[in-house]
Amino acid sequence: MPRPPLTGSSDSARVERLADALRAGAAGLYSLEAACELVISAGWLRRDDFTRFISTGTSLTDGVAELAWIDWESVITSRDTGLLPCSNGENRVLRLATSIAAGIPVDLNDALSGLDHARISLVVCAIRHANGQRPDHIVL
């Protein structure tokens, strides 16, 4: 049976494959791993308007493994110009993820002050991960 495409429809198999490809593409780089886990956990991969910023390919090493990476600069530019609408909480998480991944400046006072309990837990996990404390559920 053919696998669903990595981008396009929003079915759960596609989302899981895209998440796995992002994890593979970021593997070994704690900041990228953390940022990818943050957007995965926050549900951004279910949104086609976000996944258009994700490029995919196949590993040159084995020719089989699917890899993916996010154009963080384009994500924030699109967000800033209103082409990527989202709630205030989603915006805060997205800005923190782009800062962790690509060093894009974020106002921590604004980004952290309005997060609900679930989102602040995701952010704390991402910060620890970026610091080299990979969560137990992530196995490379």
N, C-alpha and C. Protein backbone atom coordinates (compact mmCIF):
# COMPACT_ATOMS: atom_id res chain seq x y z
N MET A 1 0.85 -1.17 0.00
CA MET A 1 0.00 0.00 0.00
C MET A 1 0.90 1.24 0.00
N PRO A 2 0.65 2.21 -0.88
CA PRO A 2 1.49 3.42 -0.92
C PRO A 2 1.30 4.26 0.33
N ARG A 3 2.40 4.90 0.74
CA ARG A 3 2.35 5.76 1.92
C ARG A 3 1.73 7.09 1.53
N PRO A 4 1.02 7.75 2.48
CA PRO A 4 0.46 9.06 2.17
C PRO A 4 1.58 10.08 1.99
N PRO A 5 1.34 11.10 1.17
CA PRO A 5 2.39 12.12 0.99
C PRO A 5 2.69 12.83 2.29
N LEU A 6 3.93 13.34 2.41
CA LEU A 6 4.32 14.03 3.64
C LEU A 6 3.60 15.36 3.79
N THR A 7 3.22 15.98 2.71
CA THR A 7 2.49 17.24 2.79
C THR A 7 1.17 17.09 2.05
N GLY A 8 0.22 17.94 2.37
CA GLY A 8 -1.07 17.88 1.69
C GLY A 8 -2.18 17.64 2.67
N SER A 9 -2.82 16.48 2.61
CA SER A 9 -3.97 16.19 3.45
C SER A 9 -3.58 16.19 4.93
N SER A 10 -4.57 16.23 5.81
CA SER A 10 -4.29 16.37 7.24
C SER A 10 -4.55 15.08 8.02
N ASP A 11 -4.51 13.93 7.38
CA ASP A 11 -4.77 12.69 8.11
C ASP A 11 -3.64 12.38 9.09
N SER A 12 -3.94 11.58 10.08
CA SER A 12 -2.98 11.32 11.16
C SER A 12 -1.74 10.58 10.68
N ALA A 13 -1.87 9.71 9.69
CA ALA A 13 -0.69 9.01 9.18
C ALA A 13 0.29 9.99 8.55
N ARG A 14 -0.22 10.95 7.81
CA ARG A 14 0.64 11.97 7.19
C ARG A 14 1.31 12.81 8.26
N VAL A 15 0.57 13.20 9.28
CA VAL A 15 1.12 14.02 10.36
C VAL A 15 2.23 13.25 11.08
N GLU A 16 2.01 11.98 11.36
CA GLU A 16 3.03 11.17 12.05
C GLU A 16 4.27 10.99 11.20
N ARG A 17 4.09 10.76 9.91
CA ARG A 17 5.25 10.60 9.02
C ARG A 17 6.03 11.90 8.93
N LEU A 18 5.32 13.02 8.85
CA LEU A 18 5.99 14.32 8.78
C LEU A 18 6.73 14.60 10.08
N ALA A 19 6.11 14.27 11.21
CA ALA A 19 6.78 14.45 12.51
C ALA A 19 8.05 13.60 12.57
N ASP A 20 7.97 12.36 12.13
CA ASP A 20 9.14 11.48 12.12
C ASP A 20 10.24 12.04 11.22
N ALA A 21 9.86 12.58 10.06
CA ALA A 21 10.83 13.15 9.13
C ALA A 21 11.48 14.40 9.72
N LEU A 22 10.70 15.22 10.42
CA LEU A 22 11.29 16.39 11.09
C LEU A 22 12.26 15.96 12.18
N ARG A 23 11.87 14.97 12.94
CA ARG A 23 12.77 14.47 13.99
C ARG A 23 14.07 13.94 13.38
N ALA A 24 13.96 13.22 12.28
CA ALA A 24 15.16 12.68 11.61
C ALA A 24 16.02 13.81 11.06
N GLY A 25 15.40 14.83 10.51
CA GLY A 25 16.16 15.95 9.96
C GLY A 25 16.87 16.78 11.02
N ALA A 26 16.33 16.79 12.21
CA ALA A 26 16.91 17.59 13.30
C ALA A 26 17.81 16.77 14.23
N ALA A 27 17.83 15.47 14.04
CA ALA A 27 18.52 14.56 14.97
C ALA A 27 19.96 14.98 15.25
N GLY A 28 20.26 15.06 16.54
CA GLY A 28 21.61 15.37 16.99
C GLY A 28 21.86 16.85 17.25
N LEU A 29 20.93 17.69 16.84
CA LEU A 29 21.06 19.13 17.07
C LEU A 29 19.97 19.52 18.08
N TYR A 30 20.36 19.61 19.34
CA TYR A 30 19.38 19.77 20.41
C TYR A 30 18.41 20.93 20.18
N SER A 31 18.89 22.06 19.75
CA SER A 31 17.98 23.20 19.55
C SER A 31 16.95 22.91 18.47
N LEU A 32 17.39 22.33 17.37
CA LEU A 32 16.43 21.98 16.31
C LEU A 32 15.48 20.88 16.75
N GLU A 33 16.01 19.88 17.44
CA GLU A 33 15.14 18.83 17.96
C GLU A 33 14.06 19.44 18.86
N ALA A 34 14.49 20.33 19.76
CA ALA A 34 13.56 20.95 20.71
C ALA A 34 12.49 21.77 20.01
N ALA A 35 12.90 22.57 19.04
CA ALA A 35 11.95 23.42 18.32
C ALA A 35 10.97 22.56 17.52
N CYS A 36 11.47 21.53 16.88
CA CYS A 36 10.58 20.64 16.12
C CYS A 36 9.59 19.94 17.03
N GLU A 37 10.06 19.44 18.17
CA GLU A 37 9.15 18.80 19.12
C GLU A 37 8.10 19.79 19.62
N LEU A 38 8.49 21.03 19.80
CA LEU A 38 7.54 22.04 20.27
C LEU A 38 6.43 22.27 19.25
N VAL A 39 6.76 22.42 17.98
CA VAL A 39 5.70 22.62 16.98
C VAL A 39 4.90 21.35 16.75
N ILE A 40 5.56 20.19 16.86
CA ILE A 40 4.83 18.93 16.74
C ILE A 40 3.82 18.80 17.88
N SER A 41 4.29 19.00 19.11
CA SER A 41 3.43 18.87 20.29
C SER A 41 2.31 19.89 20.32
N ALA A 42 2.57 21.07 19.78
CA ALA A 42 1.56 22.14 19.77
C ALA A 42 0.54 21.96 18.66
N GLY A 43 0.71 20.97 17.81
CA GLY A 43 -0.29 20.68 16.78
C GLY A 43 -0.12 21.40 15.46
N TRP A 44 0.99 22.06 15.26
CA TRP A 44 1.18 22.82 14.02
C TRP A 44 1.21 21.95 12.77
N LEU A 45 1.58 20.68 12.89
CA LEU A 45 1.67 19.83 11.70
C LEU A 45 0.31 19.46 11.13
N ARG A 46 -0.75 19.74 11.85
CA ARG A 46 -2.10 19.48 11.34
C ARG A 46 -2.58 20.61 10.43
N ARG A 47 -1.80 21.66 10.35
CA ARG A 47 -2.21 22.84 9.58
C ARG A 47 -1.44 22.94 8.27
N ASP A 48 -2.18 22.87 7.16
CA ASP A 48 -1.56 22.97 5.85
C ASP A 48 -0.89 24.32 5.64
N ASP A 49 -1.43 25.38 6.26
CA ASP A 49 -0.81 26.69 6.09
C ASP A 49 0.54 26.77 6.80
N PHE A 50 0.81 25.86 7.72
CA PHE A 50 2.14 25.77 8.35
C PHE A 50 3.04 24.79 7.59
N THR A 51 2.50 23.66 7.21
CA THR A 51 3.33 22.63 6.59
C THR A 51 3.88 23.07 5.23
N ARG A 52 3.35 24.11 4.65
CA ARG A 52 3.92 24.60 3.39
C ARG A 52 5.33 25.16 3.59
N PHE A 53 5.72 25.41 4.84
CA PHE A 53 7.07 25.89 5.16
C PHE A 53 8.03 24.75 5.47
N ILE A 54 7.58 23.53 5.28
CA ILE A 54 8.41 22.36 5.54
C ILE A 54 8.83 21.74 4.21
N SER A 55 10.13 21.55 4.08
CA SER A 55 10.68 20.88 2.90
C SER A 55 11.04 19.46 3.28
N THR A 56 10.92 18.56 2.33
CA THR A 56 11.20 17.16 2.60
C THR A 56 12.21 16.61 1.59
N GLY A 57 12.84 15.54 1.97
CA GLY A 57 13.79 14.88 1.09
C GLY A 57 14.13 13.51 1.65
N THR A 58 15.05 12.86 0.97
CA THR A 58 15.49 11.54 1.38
C THR A 58 16.95 11.62 1.79
N SER A 59 17.29 10.89 2.80
CA SER A 59 18.66 10.86 3.31
C SER A 59 19.65 10.44 2.23
N LEU A 60 20.73 11.19 2.10
CA LEU A 60 21.79 10.81 1.17
C LEU A 60 22.58 9.63 1.71
N THR A 61 22.56 9.45 3.02
CA THR A 61 23.33 8.38 3.65
C THR A 61 22.79 7.01 3.29
N ASP A 62 21.47 6.83 3.46
CA ASP A 62 20.91 5.51 3.18
C ASP A 62 19.95 5.49 1.99
N GLY A 63 19.60 6.67 1.48
CA GLY A 63 18.70 6.74 0.33
C GLY A 63 17.27 6.35 0.62
N VAL A 64 16.94 6.14 1.89
CA VAL A 64 15.60 5.66 2.26
C VAL A 64 14.93 6.57 3.29
N ALA A 65 15.67 6.95 4.32
CA ALA A 65 15.09 7.72 5.42
C ALA A 65 14.52 9.05 4.92
N GLU A 66 13.30 9.33 5.34
CA GLU A 66 12.67 10.60 5.01
C GLU A 66 13.12 11.67 5.99
N LEU A 67 13.53 12.81 5.48
CA LEU A 67 13.98 13.93 6.29
C LEU A 67 13.12 15.13 5.97
N ALA A 68 12.96 16.01 6.94
CA ALA A 68 12.21 17.24 6.72
C ALA A 68 12.84 18.35 7.54
N TRP A 69 12.66 19.58 7.09
CA TRP A 69 13.18 20.73 7.80
C TRP A 69 12.24 21.90 7.57
N ILE A 70 12.23 22.82 8.53
CA ILE A 70 11.32 23.96 8.54
C ILE A 70 12.08 25.22 8.16
N ASP A 71 11.48 26.03 7.31
CA ASP A 71 12.04 27.34 6.97
C ASP A 71 11.53 28.32 8.03
N TRP A 72 12.26 28.40 9.13
CA TRP A 72 11.82 29.19 10.29
C TRP A 72 11.66 30.66 9.95
N GLU A 73 12.55 31.22 9.16
CA GLU A 73 12.47 32.64 8.78
C GLU A 73 11.16 32.91 8.04
N SER A 74 10.82 32.03 7.10
CA SER A 74 9.59 32.23 6.33
C SER A 74 8.34 32.07 7.20
N VAL A 75 8.43 31.18 8.17
CA VAL A 75 7.30 31.01 9.10
C VAL A 75 7.00 32.32 9.81
N ILE A 76 8.03 32.94 10.38
CA ILE A 76 7.83 34.17 11.13
C ILE A 76 7.46 35.34 10.22
N THR A 77 8.07 35.40 9.06
CA THR A 77 7.71 36.46 8.11
C THR A 77 6.24 36.33 7.73
N SER A 78 5.81 35.12 7.47
CA SER A 78 4.41 34.88 7.12
C SER A 78 3.49 35.23 8.28
N ARG A 79 3.91 34.87 9.48
CA ARG A 79 3.12 35.20 10.67
C ARG A 79 3.02 36.71 10.85
N ASP A 80 4.13 37.41 10.68
CA ASP A 80 4.16 38.86 10.88
C ASP A 80 3.34 39.62 9.83
N THR A 81 3.19 39.04 8.66
CA THR A 81 2.43 39.71 7.60
C THR A 81 0.97 39.26 7.56
N GLY A 82 0.57 38.44 8.52
CA GLY A 82 -0.82 38.03 8.61
C GLY A 82 -1.21 36.86 7.73
N LEU A 83 -0.24 36.20 7.11
CA LEU A 83 -0.53 35.09 6.22
C LEU A 83 -0.58 33.74 6.94
N LEU A 84 -0.28 33.76 8.23
CA LEU A 84 -0.34 32.56 9.05
C LEU A 84 -1.11 32.90 10.32
N PRO A 85 -2.43 32.97 10.21
CA PRO A 85 -3.24 33.38 11.36
C PRO A 85 -3.21 32.32 12.46
N CYS A 86 -3.29 32.79 13.71
CA CYS A 86 -3.32 31.87 14.83
C CYS A 86 -3.75 32.63 16.09
N SER A 87 -4.02 31.88 17.12
CA SER A 87 -4.39 32.48 18.40
C SER A 87 -3.16 33.09 19.05
N ASN A 88 -3.38 33.85 20.11
CA ASN A 88 -2.25 34.45 20.84
C ASN A 88 -1.34 33.38 21.42
N GLY A 89 -1.92 32.32 21.97
CA GLY A 89 -1.11 31.24 22.54
C GLY A 89 -0.31 30.51 21.48
N GLU A 90 -0.93 30.24 20.33
CA GLU A 90 -0.21 29.60 19.24
C GLU A 90 0.92 30.48 18.74
N ASN A 91 0.67 31.78 18.66
CA ASN A 91 1.68 32.73 18.23
C ASN A 91 2.88 32.72 19.18
N ARG A 92 2.61 32.69 20.47
CA ARG A 92 3.69 32.69 21.45
C ARG A 92 4.55 31.44 21.32
N VAL A 93 3.91 30.30 21.20
CA VAL A 93 4.65 29.04 21.06
C VAL A 93 5.46 29.04 19.77
N LEU A 94 4.86 29.51 18.69
CA LEU A 94 5.56 29.54 17.40
C LEU A 94 6.78 30.45 17.47
N ARG A 95 6.64 31.60 18.09
CA ARG A 95 7.77 32.53 18.20
C ARG A 95 8.88 31.94 19.07
N LEU A 96 8.52 31.26 20.14
CA LEU A 96 9.53 30.61 20.98
C LEU A 96 10.24 29.50 20.21
N ALA A 97 9.48 28.72 19.43
CA ALA A 97 10.10 27.65 18.64
C ALA A 97 11.07 28.21 17.61
N THR A 98 10.70 29.30 16.93
CA THR A 98 11.60 29.87 15.93
C THR A 98 12.85 30.46 16.58
N SER A 99 12.70 30.98 17.77
CA SER A 99 13.86 31.52 18.48
C SER A 99 14.81 30.40 18.89
N ILE A 100 14.25 29.30 19.40
CA ILE A 100 15.07 28.15 19.80
C ILE A 100 15.77 27.55 18.59
N ALA A 101 15.06 27.43 17.48
CA ALA A 101 15.62 26.77 16.29
C ALA A 101 16.60 27.64 15.53
N ALA A 102 16.25 28.92 15.35
CA ALA A 102 17.01 29.74 14.41
C ALA A 102 17.55 31.03 15.01
N GLY A 103 17.37 31.21 16.31
CA GLY A 103 17.88 32.42 16.95
C GLY A 103 17.11 33.67 16.59
N ILE A 104 15.90 33.52 16.10
CA ILE A 104 15.07 34.68 15.77
C ILE A 104 14.63 35.32 17.09
N PRO A 105 14.92 36.60 17.27
CA PRO A 105 14.62 37.25 18.56
C PRO A 105 13.13 37.16 18.93
N VAL A 106 12.91 36.97 20.22
CA VAL A 106 11.55 36.93 20.75
C VAL A 106 11.52 37.72 22.04
N ASP A 107 10.43 38.42 22.28
CA ASP A 107 10.23 39.15 23.52
C ASP A 107 9.73 38.16 24.56
N LEU A 108 10.61 37.73 25.47
CA LEU A 108 10.23 36.71 26.45
C LEU A 108 9.13 37.19 27.38
N ASN A 109 9.11 38.47 27.71
CA ASN A 109 8.05 38.99 28.56
C ASN A 109 6.69 38.74 27.93
N ASP A 110 6.56 39.03 26.66
CA ASP A 110 5.30 38.80 25.96
C ASP A 110 5.06 37.31 25.71
N ALA A 111 6.10 36.61 25.27
CA ALA A 111 5.93 35.22 24.86
C ALA A 111 5.57 34.30 26.03
N LEU A 112 6.12 34.56 27.19
CA LEU A 112 5.89 33.66 28.32
C LEU A 112 4.71 34.05 29.19
N SER A 113 4.35 35.32 29.20
CA SER A 113 3.36 35.79 30.17
C SER A 113 1.94 35.32 29.88
N GLY A 114 1.62 34.98 28.66
CA GLY A 114 0.25 34.62 28.35
C GLY A 114 0.01 33.17 28.04
N LEU A 115 0.94 32.29 28.40
CA LEU A 115 0.77 30.88 28.07
C LEU A 115 -0.05 30.14 29.12
N ASP A 116 -0.93 29.27 28.66
CA ASP A 116 -1.69 28.45 29.59
C ASP A 116 -0.78 27.32 30.12
N HIS A 117 -1.31 26.56 31.07
CA HIS A 117 -0.50 25.53 31.73
C HIS A 117 0.04 24.51 30.74
N ALA A 118 -0.77 24.05 29.81
CA ALA A 118 -0.34 23.04 28.85
C ALA A 118 0.79 23.56 27.97
N ARG A 119 0.63 24.78 27.48
CA ARG A 119 1.67 25.34 26.59
C ARG A 119 2.95 25.67 27.34
N ILE A 120 2.85 26.17 28.57
CA ILE A 120 4.08 26.46 29.30
C ILE A 120 4.83 25.16 29.60
N SER A 121 4.11 24.07 29.82
CA SER A 121 4.77 22.77 30.03
C SER A 121 5.53 22.35 28.78
N LEU A 122 4.94 22.56 27.60
CA LEU A 122 5.62 22.25 26.35
C LEU A 122 6.88 23.10 26.18
N VAL A 123 6.76 24.38 26.52
CA VAL A 123 7.90 25.30 26.37
C VAL A 123 9.02 24.92 27.34
N VAL A 124 8.69 24.60 28.58
CA VAL A 124 9.71 24.20 29.55
C VAL A 124 10.42 22.94 29.06
N CYS A 125 9.67 21.99 28.55
CA CYS A 125 10.26 20.77 28.00
C CYS A 125 11.21 21.11 26.84
N ALA A 126 10.80 22.04 25.97
CA ALA A 126 11.63 22.45 24.84
C ALA A 126 12.91 23.14 25.30
N ILE A 127 12.81 23.97 26.31
CA ILE A 127 14.01 24.66 26.83
C ILE A 127 14.99 23.65 27.42
N ARG A 128 14.47 22.71 28.18
CA ARG A 128 15.35 21.67 28.75
C ARG A 128 15.99 20.84 27.63
N HIS A 129 15.20 20.52 26.62
CA HIS A 129 15.69 19.74 25.49
C HIS A 129 16.80 20.50 24.76
N ALA A 130 16.58 21.78 24.49
CA ALA A 130 17.59 22.61 23.81
C ALA A 130 18.88 22.68 24.62
N ASN A 131 18.75 22.50 25.93
CA ASN A 131 19.90 22.53 26.83
C ASN A 131 20.60 21.16 26.93
N GLY A 132 20.12 20.20 26.15
CA GLY A 132 20.76 18.88 26.14
C GLY A 132 20.06 17.84 26.98
N GLN A 133 18.92 18.17 27.55
CA GLN A 133 18.17 17.23 28.37
C GLN A 133 17.00 16.69 27.56
N ARG A 134 17.33 15.82 26.62
CA ARG A 134 16.33 15.25 25.71
C ARG A 134 15.28 14.47 26.50
N PRO A 135 13.99 14.69 26.24
CA PRO A 135 12.94 13.94 26.94
C PRO A 135 13.07 12.43 26.72
N ASP A 136 12.67 11.65 27.70
CA ASP A 136 12.80 10.20 27.65
C ASP A 136 12.06 9.58 26.46
N HIS A 137 10.95 10.20 26.04
CA HIS A 137 10.15 9.61 24.96
C HIS A 137 10.79 9.79 23.57
N ILE A 138 11.87 10.55 23.48
CA ILE A 138 12.53 10.77 22.20
C ILE A 138 13.75 9.86 22.14
N VAL A 139 13.71 8.93 21.23
CA VAL A 139 14.80 7.98 21.06
C VAL A 139 15.37 8.17 19.66
N LEU A 140 16.67 8.40 19.58
CA LEU A 140 17.31 8.57 18.27
C LEU A 140 18.10 7.34 17.91
